[in-house]
Amino acid sequence: MGKSHDLATMASDGFAFPSTVTITKPSNAELVTNGDFSNGTTGWTASGATLSVSNGQLTVADNGGYTKAYQGVTTVVNQTYTLSVTQVSVTGQSSVIGLSSAVPTGNTWGNMISFAKTSGDLPHTQTYTFKATGTTTYISIGSEGTNSAVFDNVSLKEVGLPDNQILTAGDLTTELSNLGIEVTASGIVTKPNQPSFTAHRQVDQDITSSNTNVNLIFDAVDHNIGNHYSTSTGKFTCPVSGVYFISFSIRLDFLGGTYAWCYPFVNGSPRYDAGGPNFITTDTGSYTTLAAAGQLSLSANDYVQIYVYVAGDSDWDFENASFFSMRLMG
């Protein structure tokens, strides 16, 4: 089951929320192929132009019409991106950069925006932050008129929203989903992929060994997020380090013996520390229920099992009305 926190409840429970939060976002990947032209004209398509590369710069030479080189980049609708292009020089009318959500045609620069600079304005590095309107965004670089334009360092990267951008519910949903977090309209924060499982016993397990620790197998899974619990071994293997909440309830049918002692084993050894449930019961002469809950501080790849120890002449049944569950705290 996914972990759920209500923000108001968290505050009342003593969680302190700072007045300011600083988030450092790692550098985003470059989306343009061969934007520095170190691999010649690879990745670029000519339209009414002849393309050539010299000294790491692309020359788009007029071949009739709206002279351009273009490249389609995969984008996410409503995600924010920043374009950067250096216009080195132009012979003739003007150097042009265009953005489009459709393949640019011979006589258009695009349906989003275009930038033109005359030779007196160059060299110039044009930057522009925008929200994508399609699943592919086309970058066009070239010139108008009978010209030859030179370009360098074409870059497109996904970025966070600019300071003046109004955040929408859709923006937040996408960002939080990328972190594995979901927030409902009423303010409930959930972690739907948090390691967790609950299992119960489907068929009675006979316990006939006296004065011996017996591994209890909960053979029917109710939920098992991440598949970290095994119904064949009764092991829950921790995917990450952390504090785990553990609970179990078992029903023993007494047919002989003195008392039963039930507790968790970690990596094959009993845990007697305060962090692990450790309960004992004396024989009542009939059905006996053991139940416990607690916390265990565990490392990644540690495994937990539930064991029962029956003292004296033993003949018990581990009944089907039994449950064992674990989940990562926090």
Protein backbone atom coordinates (compact mmCIF):
# COMPACT_ATOMS: atom_id res chain seq x y z
CA MET A 1 0.00 0.00 0.00
CA GLY A 2 1.37 3.43 -0.90
CA LYS A 3 2.42 5.71 1.93
CA SER A 4 0.00 8.63 2.48
CA HIS A 5 0.62 11.91 4.31
CA ASP A 6 -1.89 14.67 4.93
CA LEU A 7 0.11 17.92 5.13
CA ALA A 8 -1.98 19.37 7.95
CA THR A 9 -1.59 16.18 9.98
CA MET A 10 2.17 16.19 9.39
CA ALA A 11 2.38 19.71 10.75
CA SER A 12 0.34 18.80 13.85
CA ASP A 13 2.60 15.80 14.43
CA GLY A 14 5.63 18.05 14.76
CA PHE A 15 6.97 18.26 11.22
CA ALA A 16 8.63 21.64 10.68
CA PHE A 17 8.20 23.24 7.27
CA PRO A 18 10.95 25.81 6.48
CA SER A 19 9.99 29.26 5.21
CA THR A 20 12.23 28.82 2.16
CA VAL A 21 13.35 25.72 0.29
CA THR A 22 16.36 25.62 -2.02
CA ILE A 23 16.21 22.99 -4.76
CA THR A 24 19.31 22.31 -6.84
CA LYS A 25 18.38 20.76 -10.16
CA PRO A 26 21.04 18.82 -12.08
CA SER A 27 22.04 19.93 -15.55
CA ASN A 28 19.56 18.79 -18.18
CA ALA A 29 20.62 16.73 -21.17
CA GLU A 30 21.31 18.27 -24.54
CA LEU A 31 18.46 17.43 -26.95
CA VAL A 32 20.01 18.66 -30.21
CA THR A 33 22.02 16.17 -32.23
CA ASN A 34 25.41 17.51 -33.33
CA GLY A 35 24.64 21.08 -32.27
CA ASP A 36 28.36 21.96 -32.19
CA PHE A 37 28.84 20.51 -35.72
CA SER A 38 31.75 18.39 -34.56
CA ASN A 39 30.32 15.59 -36.69
CA GLY A 40 29.84 17.59 -39.87
CA THR A 41 26.24 18.06 -40.96
CA THR A 42 24.96 14.90 -39.22
CA GLY A 43 21.47 15.43 -37.80
CA TRP A 44 20.65 18.41 -40.02
CA THR A 45 18.41 18.45 -43.10
CA ALA A 46 18.88 21.01 -45.87
CA SER A 47 15.94 22.89 -47.38
CA GLY A 48 16.79 25.10 -50.34
CA ALA A 49 20.38 25.13 -49.14
CA THR A 50 23.81 23.62 -49.42
CA LEU A 51 25.33 22.73 -46.04
CA SER A 52 29.02 22.63 -45.16
CA VAL A 53 31.07 22.69 -41.96
CA SER A 54 34.38 24.44 -41.39
CA ASN A 55 36.18 25.01 -38.07
CA GLY A 56 33.19 23.62 -36.17
CA GLN A 57 30.70 26.07 -37.71
CA LEU A 58 27.84 25.36 -40.11
CA THR A 59 27.46 27.39 -43.31
CA VAL A 60 23.97 27.42 -44.81
CA ALA A 61 24.46 28.58 -48.41
CA ASP A 62 21.54 29.81 -50.55
CA ASN A 63 20.21 27.31 -53.04
CA GLY A 64 16.97 29.13 -53.81
CA GLY A 65 13.96 30.11 -51.69
CA TYR A 66 13.96 30.26 -47.90
CA THR A 67 17.43 28.86 -47.27
CA LYS A 68 17.64 26.74 -44.16
CA ALA A 69 18.92 23.72 -42.26
CA TYR A 70 16.50 22.16 -39.77
CA GLN A 71 16.31 19.43 -37.15
CA GLY A 72 13.33 17.90 -35.33
CA VAL A 73 13.75 17.37 -31.57
CA THR A 74 11.46 15.24 -29.40
CA THR A 75 9.66 17.41 -26.83
CA VAL A 76 6.85 17.11 -24.28
CA VAL A 77 3.78 19.28 -24.72
CA ASN A 78 3.69 22.10 -22.11
CA GLN A 79 7.21 21.28 -20.89
CA THR A 80 9.54 24.29 -20.78
CA TYR A 81 12.71 24.43 -22.91
CA THR A 82 15.47 26.93 -23.65
CA LEU A 83 16.88 27.36 -27.16
CA SER A 84 20.33 28.86 -27.71
CA VAL A 85 21.93 29.52 -31.12
CA THR A 86 24.97 31.58 -32.08
CA GLN A 87 24.53 33.48 -35.36
CA VAL A 88 28.12 34.02 -36.49
CA SER A 89 27.76 35.95 -39.76
CA VAL A 90 25.65 36.47 -42.87
CA THR A 91 26.34 37.73 -46.37
CA GLY A 92 23.30 39.53 -47.77
CA GLN A 93 19.95 40.28 -46.18
CA SER A 94 19.55 38.57 -42.78
CA SER A 95 20.33 35.52 -40.63
CA VAL A 96 17.21 33.74 -39.34
CA ILE A 97 16.34 31.25 -36.58
CA GLY A 98 12.90 29.63 -36.48
CA LEU A 99 10.93 27.35 -34.13
CA SER A 100 8.00 25.26 -35.31
CA SER A 101 5.79 22.38 -34.20
CA ALA A 102 5.46 21.31 -37.86
CA VAL A 103 8.06 20.44 -40.48
CA PRO A 104 9.22 23.78 -41.95
CA THR A 105 8.38 24.19 -45.64
CA GLY A 106 10.40 25.90 -48.32
CA ASN A 107 8.77 29.30 -47.83
CA THR A 108 8.12 29.38 -44.05
CA TRP A 109 10.22 29.52 -40.90
CA GLY A 110 7.72 27.97 -38.54
CA ASN A 111 4.47 28.51 -36.70
CA MET A 112 5.95 29.36 -33.28
CA ILE A 113 8.51 32.17 -33.57
CA SER A 114 11.45 33.36 -35.68
CA PHE A 115 14.37 35.74 -35.08
CA ALA A 116 16.19 37.72 -37.80
CA LYS A 117 19.49 39.60 -37.48
CA THR A 118 21.30 41.66 -40.11
CA SER A 119 25.05 41.44 -40.64
CA GLY A 120 25.61 44.53 -38.49
CA ASP A 121 24.03 42.74 -35.49
CA LEU A 122 26.31 39.72 -35.74
CA PRO A 123 27.83 37.78 -34.12
CA HIS A 124 24.88 37.27 -31.75
CA THR A 125 23.78 34.45 -29.45
CA GLN A 126 20.01 34.16 -29.45
CA THR A 127 18.31 32.52 -26.43
CA TYR A 128 14.62 31.88 -26.00
CA THR A 129 12.60 30.03 -23.34
CA PHE A 130 9.27 28.55 -24.38
CA LYS A 131 6.70 25.83 -23.74
CA ALA A 132 6.53 23.11 -26.37
CA THR A 133 3.27 22.90 -28.31
CA GLY A 134 3.95 19.55 -29.96
CA THR A 135 5.73 16.24 -29.43
CA THR A 136 8.35 17.32 -31.97
CA THR A 137 9.84 20.83 -32.12
CA TYR A 138 11.73 21.83 -35.25
CA ILE A 139 14.71 24.18 -35.13
CA SER A 140 15.49 26.02 -38.38
CA ILE A 141 18.63 28.07 -39.08
CA GLY A 142 19.37 29.86 -42.32
CA SER A 143 18.80 33.14 -44.17
CA GLU A 144 16.43 35.14 -46.36
CA GLY A 145 17.43 36.39 -49.77
CA THR A 146 20.53 35.35 -51.67
CA ASN A 147 22.71 34.79 -48.63
CA SER A 148 25.17 32.52 -46.90
CA ALA A 149 24.70 32.35 -43.12
CA VAL A 150 27.06 30.81 -40.55
CA PHE A 151 25.93 29.27 -37.24
CA ASP A 152 27.48 27.65 -34.17
CA ASN A 153 26.49 25.99 -30.86
CA VAL A 154 22.81 25.12 -31.39
CA SER A 155 21.34 23.90 -28.10
CA LEU A 156 17.93 22.91 -26.76
CA LYS A 157 17.48 21.79 -23.16
CA GLU A 158 14.57 21.10 -20.84
CA VAL A 159 14.51 23.58 -17.97
CA GLY A 160 12.44 24.48 -14.94
CA LEU A 161 9.71 27.03 -15.33
CA PRO A 162 10.94 30.65 -15.50
CA ASP A 163 10.30 33.00 -12.58
CA ASN A 164 7.47 34.78 -14.37
CA GLN A 165 5.71 31.58 -15.45
CA ILE A 166 2.45 30.78 -13.65
CA LEU A 167 2.51 27.26 -12.28
CA THR A 168 -0.45 25.13 -13.23
CA ALA A 169 -1.75 21.92 -11.71
CA GLY A 170 -0.50 20.13 -14.82
CA ASP A 171 3.03 21.47 -14.33
CA LEU A 172 3.17 20.27 -10.73
CA THR A 173 1.64 16.89 -11.53
CA THR A 174 4.33 16.22 -14.14
CA GLU A 175 7.21 17.35 -11.93
CA LEU A 176 6.05 15.36 -8.89
CA SER A 177 5.25 12.29 -10.96
CA ASN A 178 8.85 12.27 -12.18
CA LEU A 179 9.84 11.99 -8.49
CA GLY A 180 7.42 9.12 -7.83
CA ILE A 181 5.09 11.34 -5.78
CA GLU A 182 1.42 12.06 -6.30
CA VAL A 183 -0.67 14.85 -4.74
CA THR A 184 -4.46 14.80 -4.68
CA ALA A 185 -6.62 17.91 -5.04
CA SER A 186 -7.36 17.73 -1.29
CA GLY A 187 -3.65 17.84 -0.40
CA ILE A 188 -2.90 14.16 0.25
CA VAL A 189 0.70 13.28 -0.68
CA THR A 190 1.21 9.65 -1.73
CA LYS A 191 4.15 7.50 -2.74
CA PRO A 192 2.43 4.81 -4.84
CA ASN A 193 5.64 2.85 -5.50
CA GLN A 194 6.84 2.65 -1.89
CA PRO A 195 8.10 -0.85 -0.89
CA SER A 196 5.25 -2.58 0.92
CA PHE A 197 3.48 -5.90 1.22
CA THR A 198 0.80 -7.72 3.19
CA ALA A 199 0.42 -11.50 3.17
CA HIS A 200 -1.57 -14.13 5.04
CA ARG A 201 -1.56 -17.86 5.57
CA GLN A 202 -3.86 -19.71 3.15
CA VAL A 203 -3.33 -23.32 4.26
CA ASP A 204 -2.56 -24.49 7.82
CA GLN A 205 1.15 -25.04 8.52
CA ASP A 206 1.85 -27.84 11.02
CA ILE A 207 4.46 -27.13 13.71
CA THR A 208 5.67 -30.46 15.10
CA SER A 209 9.23 -29.54 16.15
CA SER A 210 9.76 -28.96 19.87
CA ASN A 211 12.15 -26.30 21.19
CA THR A 212 13.04 -25.28 17.65
CA ASN A 213 12.61 -22.04 15.72
CA VAL A 214 10.23 -22.65 12.81
CA ASN A 215 10.00 -20.30 9.85
CA LEU A 216 6.37 -19.30 9.22
CA ILE A 217 5.44 -19.07 5.55
CA PHE A 218 2.69 -16.59 4.65
CA ASP A 219 1.78 -18.12 1.31
CA ALA A 220 -0.94 -15.79 -0.01
CA VAL A 221 -0.09 -12.18 -0.96
CA ASP A 222 -2.69 -9.42 -0.62
CA HIS A 223 -0.41 -6.79 -2.14
CA ASN A 224 3.33 -6.78 -2.87
CA ILE A 225 4.57 -3.44 -4.22
CA GLY A 226 7.98 -4.04 -5.80
CA ASN A 227 7.69 -7.85 -5.36
CA HIS A 228 10.07 -7.86 -2.40
CA TYR A 229 8.20 -10.58 -0.46
CA SER A 230 8.57 -14.26 -1.39
CA THR A 231 5.71 -16.69 -0.66
CA SER A 232 8.10 -19.64 -1.03
CA THR A 233 10.64 -18.55 1.61
CA GLY A 234 8.59 -16.13 3.72
CA LYS A 235 11.31 -13.51 3.21
CA PHE A 236 10.83 -9.78 2.76
CA THR A 237 14.03 -8.39 1.20
CA CYS A 238 14.65 -4.69 1.78
CA PRO A 239 15.23 -2.83 -1.51
CA VAL A 240 16.74 0.22 0.25
CA SER A 241 18.15 1.10 3.66
CA GLY A 242 15.74 2.70 6.12
CA VAL A 243 13.41 2.23 9.07
CA TYR A 244 10.68 -0.29 8.30
CA PHE A 245 7.37 -0.79 10.06
CA ILE A 246 6.55 -4.45 10.68
CA SER A 247 3.41 -6.07 12.03
CA PHE A 248 2.16 -9.62 12.35
CA SER A 249 -0.80 -11.50 13.77
CA ILE A 250 -0.88 -15.29 13.90
CA ARG A 251 -3.29 -17.86 15.28
CA LEU A 252 -1.92 -21.07 16.77
CA ASP A 253 -4.09 -24.10 17.43
CA PHE A 254 -2.65 -25.71 20.57
CA LEU A 255 -2.51 -29.49 20.48
CA GLY A 256 0.38 -29.95 22.93
CA GLY A 257 3.31 -28.00 24.39
CA THR A 258 4.09 -25.36 27.02
CA TYR A 259 4.31 -21.94 25.38
CA ALA A 260 4.94 -20.27 22.05
CA TRP A 261 7.30 -17.38 21.32
CA CYS A 262 7.04 -15.47 18.02
CA TYR A 263 9.45 -12.83 16.72
CA PRO A 264 11.19 -11.63 13.54
CA PHE A 265 14.49 -12.92 12.21
CA VAL A 266 16.76 -10.61 10.21
CA ASN A 267 19.24 -12.32 7.88
CA GLY A 268 18.60 -15.62 9.64
CA SER A 269 19.14 -14.35 13.21
CA PRO A 270 16.55 -13.32 15.81
CA ARG A 271 16.14 -9.64 16.63
CA TYR A 272 15.69 -9.10 20.36
CA ASP A 273 16.39 -5.37 20.28
CA ALA A 274 13.71 -2.82 21.07
CA GLY A 275 13.26 -2.13 17.37
CA GLY A 276 11.84 -5.59 16.70
CA PRO A 277 8.61 -7.16 18.03
CA ASN A 278 9.42 -9.81 20.63
CA PHE A 279 6.38 -11.33 22.33
CA ILE A 280 5.76 -14.47 24.36
CA THR A 281 2.55 -16.22 25.33
CA THR A 282 1.72 -19.09 27.63
CA ASP A 283 -0.46 -21.96 26.53
CA THR A 284 -4.16 -21.31 27.02
CA GLY A 285 -5.17 -24.85 26.20
CA SER A 286 -6.87 -23.90 22.93
CA TYR A 287 -6.47 -21.34 20.17
CA THR A 288 -3.77 -18.75 20.89
CA THR A 289 -3.25 -15.49 18.99
CA LEU A 290 0.07 -13.66 18.88
CA ALA A 291 0.21 -10.13 17.53
CA ALA A 292 2.93 -7.50 17.50
CA ALA A 293 4.05 -4.35 15.68
CA GLY A 294 7.22 -2.30 15.73
CA GLN A 295 10.05 -0.79 13.75
CA LEU A 296 13.27 -2.25 12.40
CA SER A 297 16.28 -0.30 11.16
CA LEU A 298 17.47 -2.27 8.15
CA SER A 299 20.01 -2.04 5.34
CA ALA A 300 19.46 -2.68 1.66
CA ASN A 301 19.27 -6.45 0.91
CA ASP A 302 18.54 -7.36 4.54
CA TYR A 303 15.74 -9.92 4.71
CA VAL A 304 13.10 -10.43 7.37
CA GLN A 305 11.14 -13.57 8.26
CA ILE A 306 8.74 -14.44 11.07
CA TYR A 307 9.63 -17.41 13.29
CA VAL A 308 7.77 -19.22 16.06
CA TYR A 309 9.39 -21.17 18.91
CA VAL A 310 7.28 -23.73 20.78
CA ALA A 311 8.57 -25.10 24.06
CA GLY A 312 7.77 -28.55 25.35
CA ASP A 313 6.12 -31.39 23.47
CA SER A 314 4.85 -29.63 20.40
CA ASP A 315 1.88 -30.21 18.16
CA TRP A 316 0.54 -26.90 16.88
CA ASP A 317 -1.10 -25.64 13.73
CA PHE A 318 -0.24 -22.23 12.28
CA GLU A 319 -3.76 -21.20 11.25
CA ASN A 320 -4.88 -19.49 8.09
CA ALA A 321 -6.26 -16.38 9.83
CA SER A 322 -2.79 -14.81 10.05
CA PHE A 323 -1.11 -11.73 8.60
CA PHE A 324 2.41 -10.39 8.16
CA SER A 325 3.13 -6.95 6.69
CA MET A 326 6.06 -4.57 6.20
CA ARG A 327 6.57 -1.17 4.63
CA LEU A 328 9.23 1.54 4.52
CA MET A 329 8.61 4.36 6.98
CA GLY A 330 8.38 7.95 5.72
